[in-house]
Protein backbone atom coordinates (compact mmCIF):
# COMPACT_ATOMS: atom_id res chain seq x y z
CA UNK A 1 -3.10 5.87 -30.28
CA UNK A 2 -2.56 8.65 -27.74
CA UNK A 3 0.24 11.09 -28.26
CA UNK A 4 2.17 11.85 -25.12
CA UNK A 5 2.59 15.57 -25.85
CA UNK A 6 -1.16 16.01 -26.38
CA UNK A 7 -1.90 14.20 -23.15
CA UNK A 8 0.66 16.29 -21.24
CA UNK A 9 -0.93 19.51 -22.56
CA UNK A 10 -4.37 18.29 -21.56
CA UNK A 11 -3.16 17.36 -18.07
CA UNK A 12 -1.55 20.81 -17.69
CA UNK A 13 -4.81 22.48 -18.73
CA UNK A 14 -6.79 20.33 -16.26
CA UNK A 15 -4.36 21.17 -13.43
CA UNK A 16 -4.59 24.88 -14.23
CA UNK A 17 -8.39 24.75 -14.12
CA UNK A 18 -8.37 22.71 -10.91
CA UNK A 19 -6.15 25.34 -9.28
CA UNK A 20 -8.08 28.35 -10.57
CA UNK A 21 -11.58 26.91 -10.34
CA UNK A 22 -12.25 28.07 -13.89
CA UNK A 23 -14.17 25.74 -16.23
CA UNK A 24 -12.35 23.99 -19.06
CA UNK A 25 -13.77 23.84 -22.55
CA UNK A 26 -12.59 20.73 -24.35
CA UNK A 27 -12.41 20.25 -28.08
CA UNK A 28 -13.74 17.02 -29.54
CA UNK A 29 -10.21 15.62 -29.91
CA UNK A 30 -9.32 16.59 -26.31
CA UNK A 31 -12.52 14.97 -25.06
CA UNK A 32 -11.70 11.78 -26.96
CA UNK A 33 -8.14 11.85 -25.61
CA UNK A 34 -9.31 12.29 -22.03
CA UNK A 35 -11.90 9.54 -22.46
CA UNK A 36 -9.24 7.18 -23.83
CA UNK A 37 -6.82 7.94 -21.00
CA UNK A 38 -9.44 7.47 -18.29
CA UNK A 39 -10.77 4.32 -19.96
CA UNK A 40 -7.25 2.86 -20.09
CA UNK A 41 -6.75 3.73 -16.42
CA UNK A 42 -10.05 2.06 -15.51
CA UNK A 43 -9.29 -0.97 -17.67
CA UNK A 44 -5.97 -1.41 -15.89
CA UNK A 45 -7.66 -0.92 -12.54
CA UNK A 46 -10.16 -3.65 -13.36
CA UNK A 47 -7.43 -6.27 -13.65
CA UNK A 48 -6.70 -6.44 -9.93
CA UNK A 49 -8.24 -5.95 -6.54
CA UNK A 50 -7.16 -2.37 -5.72
CA UNK A 51 -7.09 -3.07 -1.99
CA UNK A 52 -4.14 -5.40 -2.63
CA UNK A 53 -1.99 -2.82 -4.45
CA UNK A 54 0.51 -0.85 -2.39
CA UNK A 55 1.62 1.10 -5.49
CA UNK A 56 -1.75 2.79 -6.00
CA UNK A 57 -1.99 6.53 -5.50
CA UNK A 58 -4.80 7.34 -3.07
CA UNK A 59 -6.59 10.57 -2.29
CA UNK A 60 -8.01 10.49 1.25
CA UNK A 61 -9.82 12.68 3.75
CA UNK A 62 -7.84 12.58 6.99
CA UNK A 63 -9.99 12.25 10.11
CA UNK A 64 -8.14 13.98 12.93
CA UNK A 65 -10.48 12.82 15.70
CA UNK A 66 -9.10 9.24 15.61
CA UNK A 67 -12.63 7.80 15.76
CA UNK A 68 -12.26 6.16 12.37
CA UNK A 69 -9.72 5.64 9.62
CA UNK A 70 -9.16 7.91 6.64
CA UNK A 71 -11.87 8.03 3.98
CA UNK A 72 -10.56 7.03 0.55
CA UNK A 73 -11.92 9.33 -2.14
CA UNK A 74 -10.08 7.90 -5.15
CA UNK A 75 -7.40 5.46 -6.30
CA UNK A 76 -5.37 5.35 -9.50
CA UNK A 77 -2.13 4.02 -10.93
CA UNK A 78 -1.45 7.29 -12.78
CA UNK A 79 0.34 10.07 -10.86
CA UNK A 80 -0.91 12.83 -13.17
CA UNK A 81 -4.52 11.75 -12.67
CA UNK A 82 -3.87 11.44 -8.92
CA UNK A 83 -2.52 15.01 -8.77
CA UNK A 84 -5.54 16.37 -10.65
CA UNK A 85 -7.93 14.44 -8.38
CA UNK A 86 -6.03 15.70 -5.32
CA UNK A 87 -6.29 19.33 -6.43
CA UNK A 88 -10.01 18.94 -7.13
CA UNK A 89 -10.57 17.23 -3.77
CA UNK A 90 -8.83 20.03 -1.87
CA UNK A 91 -11.27 22.51 -3.44
CA UNK A 92 -14.32 20.29 -3.00
CA UNK A 93 -13.68 19.39 0.65
CA UNK A 94 -12.79 22.89 1.85
CA UNK A 95 -11.84 22.93 5.53
CA UNK A 96 -10.83 19.26 5.59
CA UNK A 97 -7.37 17.73 5.48
CA UNK A 98 -6.79 15.96 2.15
CA UNK A 99 -3.81 13.68 1.60
CA UNK A 100 -2.28 12.25 -1.58
CA UNK A 101 -0.40 9.09 -0.74
CA UNK A 102 1.12 6.01 -2.27
CA UNK A 103 0.97 3.13 0.18
CA UNK A 104 2.18 4.52 3.51
CA UNK A 105 4.14 7.35 1.87
CA UNK A 106 2.51 10.82 1.91
CA UNK A 107 3.19 12.72 -1.32
CA UNK A 108 1.18 15.85 -0.49
CA UNK A 109 -1.24 17.05 2.16
CA UNK A 110 -3.34 20.19 2.33
CA UNK A 111 -5.75 21.63 4.83
CA UNK A 112 -7.81 24.43 3.35
């Protein structure tokens, strides 16, 4: 069973690496913990049609030209995973507007 303090430390390390762009070296136990957490998130996501869930966190590319809707990059039920995915997306899609939202509520938005 996952220990919350271990998972919180792993999330903090992932966020730090996402912000700095530095690689993260994971121990075997950290790799197993991350795998378990992501597997649990995916297992939970498989129990519903994600398009029907307003409580999902979404990471999207905002299209400012109004020719089409936002492009959804990722969805999750876990805010910590959403924040890590948001930080990584901001770096990956440099020069684009990236938004972290839950339903119609915008949690964070960055244009780099």
